Protein backbone atom coordinates (compact mmCIF):
# COMPACT_ATOMS: atom_id res chain seq x y z
CA MET A 1 16.34 49.99 -114.42
CA GLY A 2 18.56 47.07 -114.80
CA LYS A 3 15.96 44.32 -115.21
CA LYS A 4 14.35 46.94 -118.34
CA ASP A 5 17.88 46.81 -119.78
CA ALA A 6 18.00 43.39 -119.45
CA ASP A 7 14.92 42.40 -120.90
CA ALA A 8 15.46 44.79 -123.65
CA PRO A 9 16.58 43.91 -126.99
CA PRO A 10 20.00 44.64 -127.97
CA LYS A 11 20.35 48.31 -128.54
CA GLU A 12 21.69 48.45 -132.31
CA ALA A 13 22.45 51.61 -134.20
CA GLY A 14 19.96 54.56 -134.21
CA GLY A 15 17.27 51.36 -132.99
CA GLY A 16 18.24 52.75 -130.11
CA ASN A 17 16.58 55.80 -129.25
CA ILE A 18 13.38 53.90 -130.14
CA ASN A 19 13.92 50.65 -127.29
CA GLN A 20 14.00 54.50 -125.23
CA ILE A 21 11.27 56.48 -126.31
CA ARG A 22 8.79 52.90 -126.26
CA ASP A 23 10.71 52.54 -121.66
CA ILE A 24 9.54 55.98 -121.83
CA LEU A 25 5.86 55.51 -123.61
CA ILE A 26 5.46 51.86 -121.60
CA GLY A 27 7.69 51.42 -119.03
CA PRO A 28 5.66 52.82 -116.14
CA PHE A 29 2.80 51.40 -118.01
CA GLN A 30 4.73 48.10 -117.85
CA ARG A 31 6.35 48.09 -114.27
CA ASP A 32 2.70 49.13 -113.36
CA GLN A 33 1.21 45.53 -114.70
CA GLU A 34 4.46 43.50 -113.79
CA ALA A 35 4.28 44.68 -110.26
CA ARG A 36 0.15 43.78 -110.65
CA PHE A 37 1.17 40.46 -111.72
CA ASP A 38 3.57 40.03 -108.81
CA ARG A 39 0.80 40.89 -106.03
CA VAL A 40 -1.70 38.27 -108.24
CA GLU A 41 0.27 35.50 -107.68
CA GLN A 42 1.31 35.77 -104.31
CA SER A 43 -2.39 36.51 -103.77
CA LEU A 44 -2.88 33.47 -105.27
CA GLN A 45 -0.16 31.63 -104.18
CA ARG A 46 -0.86 32.66 -100.34
CA ALA A 47 -4.72 31.76 -100.97
CA ALA A 48 -3.39 28.20 -102.25
CA GLY A 49 -1.33 27.76 -98.92
CA GLU A 50 -4.22 29.06 -97.39
CA ALA A 51 -6.59 26.49 -99.59
CA ALA A 52 -4.02 23.65 -99.20
CA ASP A 53 -4.44 24.51 -94.94
CA ALA A 54 -7.61 24.57 -94.85
CA THR A 55 -7.59 21.36 -96.81
CA ALA A 56 -5.60 19.55 -94.66
CA ARG A 57 -7.59 20.43 -92.01
CA ALA A 58 -10.46 19.08 -93.11
CA GLN A 59 -8.55 16.81 -93.88
CA GLU A 60 -7.16 16.05 -90.01
CA LYS A 61 -10.48 16.72 -88.75
CA LEU A 62 -11.95 14.06 -91.15
CA GLN A 63 -9.47 11.86 -90.36
CA LYS A 64 -10.23 12.36 -86.89
CA SER A 65 -13.87 12.16 -87.20
CA LEU A 66 -13.38 8.79 -89.20
CA ASP A 67 -10.80 7.06 -86.09
CA ALA A 68 -13.81 7.91 -83.42
CA ALA A 69 -16.21 6.36 -85.79
CA VAL A 70 -14.33 3.84 -86.18
CA ASP A 71 -13.17 3.21 -82.47
CA GLY A 72 -17.21 3.81 -81.63
CA LEU A 73 -18.20 0.74 -83.98
CA GLU A 74 -15.06 -1.54 -82.91
CA ALA A 75 -15.79 -1.27 -79.33
CA LYS A 76 -19.75 -1.84 -80.24
CA LEU A 77 -18.43 -4.58 -82.47
CA SER A 78 -16.11 -5.00 -79.50
CA ASP A 79 -19.18 -5.69 -76.95
CA LEU A 80 -22.12 -7.28 -78.71
CA SER A 81 -19.36 -9.65 -80.09
CA LYS A 82 -18.74 -10.52 -75.71
CA ARG A 83 -22.95 -10.20 -75.63
CA MET A 84 -22.96 -12.70 -78.06
CA THR A 85 -20.62 -15.01 -76.36
CA ASP A 86 -22.08 -14.18 -73.18
CA LEU A 87 -25.16 -15.56 -73.98
CA ASP A 88 -24.35 -18.55 -75.79
CA ASP A 89 -22.53 -19.56 -72.80
CA THR A 90 -25.71 -18.97 -70.83
CA ARG A 91 -27.96 -21.33 -73.37
CA LYS A 92 -25.10 -23.38 -73.45
CA ARG A 93 -25.80 -24.10 -69.84
CA GLU A 94 -29.76 -24.18 -69.71
CA ALA A 95 -29.06 -26.85 -72.43
CA ALA A 96 -26.92 -28.77 -70.45
CA ALA A 97 -28.88 -28.81 -66.60
CA MET A 98 -32.37 -28.93 -69.00
CA ALA A 99 -29.98 -32.33 -70.09
CA GLU A 100 -28.87 -33.01 -66.76
CA ASP A 101 -32.75 -32.63 -65.27
CA LEU A 102 -34.64 -34.83 -68.05
CA THR A 103 -31.68 -37.34 -67.00
CA ARG A 104 -32.47 -36.86 -63.80
CA GLN A 105 -36.61 -37.16 -64.66
CA LEU A 106 -35.97 -40.75 -66.45
CA ARG A 107 -33.64 -42.32 -64.58
CA GLU A 108 -36.92 -41.24 -61.37
CA LEU A 109 -39.45 -42.76 -64.47
CA GLU A 110 -37.29 -45.69 -65.29
CA THR A 111 -37.22 -46.55 -61.04
CA LYS A 112 -40.42 -46.04 -60.83
CA LEU A 113 -41.91 -48.43 -62.79
CA GLY A 114 -38.97 -50.84 -62.40
CA ALA A 115 -41.12 -51.06 -58.95
CA GLU A 116 -44.20 -50.90 -60.30
CA LEU A 117 -43.48 -53.90 -63.12
CA ARG A 118 -41.83 -55.64 -60.20
CA GLU A 119 -44.88 -54.71 -57.87
CA LEU A 120 -47.19 -55.81 -60.90
CA ASP A 121 -44.85 -58.97 -61.55
CA ARG A 122 -45.55 -59.87 -58.35
CA HIS A 123 -49.51 -59.73 -58.49
CA THR A 124 -49.84 -61.42 -61.09
CA GLU A 125 -47.62 -63.99 -59.75
CA GLU A 126 -49.84 -64.29 -57.11
CA ARG A 127 -53.10 -64.05 -58.38
CA LEU A 128 -51.84 -67.32 -61.00
CA ARG A 129 -50.96 -69.30 -58.05
CA GLY A 130 -54.52 -68.58 -56.78
CA VAL A 131 -56.48 -69.48 -60.14
CA ARG A 132 -53.96 -72.20 -60.20
CA SER A 133 -54.94 -73.10 -56.93
CA ASP A 134 -58.86 -72.59 -57.74
CA MET A 135 -58.18 -74.90 -60.39
CA ASP A 136 -57.05 -77.83 -59.10
CA ALA A 137 -59.58 -78.08 -56.59
CA ALA A 138 -61.99 -77.14 -58.88
CA LEU A 139 -60.57 -80.36 -60.49
CA ALA A 140 -60.35 -82.28 -57.52
CA VAL A 141 -64.25 -81.90 -57.49
CA LEU A 142 -64.93 -82.94 -60.02
CA ARG A 143 -62.40 -86.07 -60.25
CA ASP A 144 -64.06 -86.59 -57.21
CA GLU A 145 -67.31 -86.81 -58.39
CA LYS A 146 -67.12 -88.22 -61.78
CA THR A 147 -67.75 -91.54 -62.75
CA SER A 148 -64.87 -93.72 -63.87
CA ARG A 149 -64.48 -94.91 -67.84
CA HIS A 150 -65.06 -98.37 -66.52
CA ASP A 151 -68.37 -97.95 -64.62
CA LEU A 152 -70.02 -95.79 -66.84
CA GLY A 153 -68.45 -99.26 -69.56
CA ASP A 154 -70.92 -100.94 -67.51
CA TYR A 155 -73.80 -98.90 -67.24
CA LEU A 156 -74.29 -98.72 -70.80
CA MET A 157 -73.34 -102.95 -71.15
CA GLU A 158 -76.01 -103.25 -68.82
CA LEU A 159 -78.32 -101.07 -70.12
CA GLY A 160 -77.58 -102.19 -73.90
CA LEU A 161 -78.77 -105.56 -72.16
CA ARG A 162 -81.77 -104.40 -71.03
CA LEU A 163 -83.02 -102.77 -74.24
CA LYS A 164 -82.66 -106.21 -75.06
CA GLY A 165 -83.85 -108.48 -73.15
CA GLU A 166 -86.44 -106.07 -70.36
CA ALA A 167 -87.97 -103.72 -72.19
CA SER A 168 -89.18 -101.87 -69.42
CA LEU A 169 -88.30 -98.02 -68.83
CA SER A 170 -88.29 -97.62 -65.08
CA ALA A 171 -86.35 -101.02 -64.42
CA LEU A 172 -83.74 -99.01 -67.25
CA ASP A 173 -84.20 -95.55 -65.21
CA SER A 174 -84.52 -97.67 -62.02
CA SER A 175 -80.71 -99.15 -62.56
CA LEU A 176 -79.25 -95.82 -63.83
CA GLU A 177 -79.84 -94.32 -60.65
CA GLU A 178 -78.64 -97.86 -58.34
CA ALA A 179 -75.62 -97.48 -60.90
CA ILE A 180 -74.71 -93.03 -60.27
CA GLY A 181 -75.73 -93.51 -56.96
CA GLY A 182 -73.63 -95.74 -55.97
CA ALA A 183 -70.27 -94.86 -58.83
CA SER A 184 -70.71 -91.40 -56.44
CA LYS A 185 -71.12 -92.90 -52.98
CA ASP A 186 -67.92 -94.72 -54.35
CA SER A 187 -65.32 -92.33 -55.35
């Protein structure tokens, strides 16, 4: 009764009996209700503790799952980054090799074209010398066979004189044939 005495209002003169009667009538019910409240409170505290523990376990499990997922993604990202770097390096090496190959092919073509141009130049020079030689020979033949200007002037003078004095065409022909035949023999 120590608790009830502390909860009970101070006893007044004459009113103390009422409190005792109330305690007798309602006391067991009140104690039963307080015990139930205590049990419900303990049950709620236990449930709250279990819920807190379950939440902590779930949070820890979720954190582990997230950590594992992050680690997995980081590993995949690292692998992908390494593969990209390797691929980039491979492409650079291939591009460098292709550039070297093209440079080598260009040098070979330059060398080949240079040799072909030198050969063509030599061949053209030989043909030019041959053409010049042929032209010089043809010019020499033409010089040998031509009538000099002086002789041609004399022939024209003679033709003019004959046309004035002689009207005979046959004499003119024979004179021309003599002049042309003599000129070609003199050259």
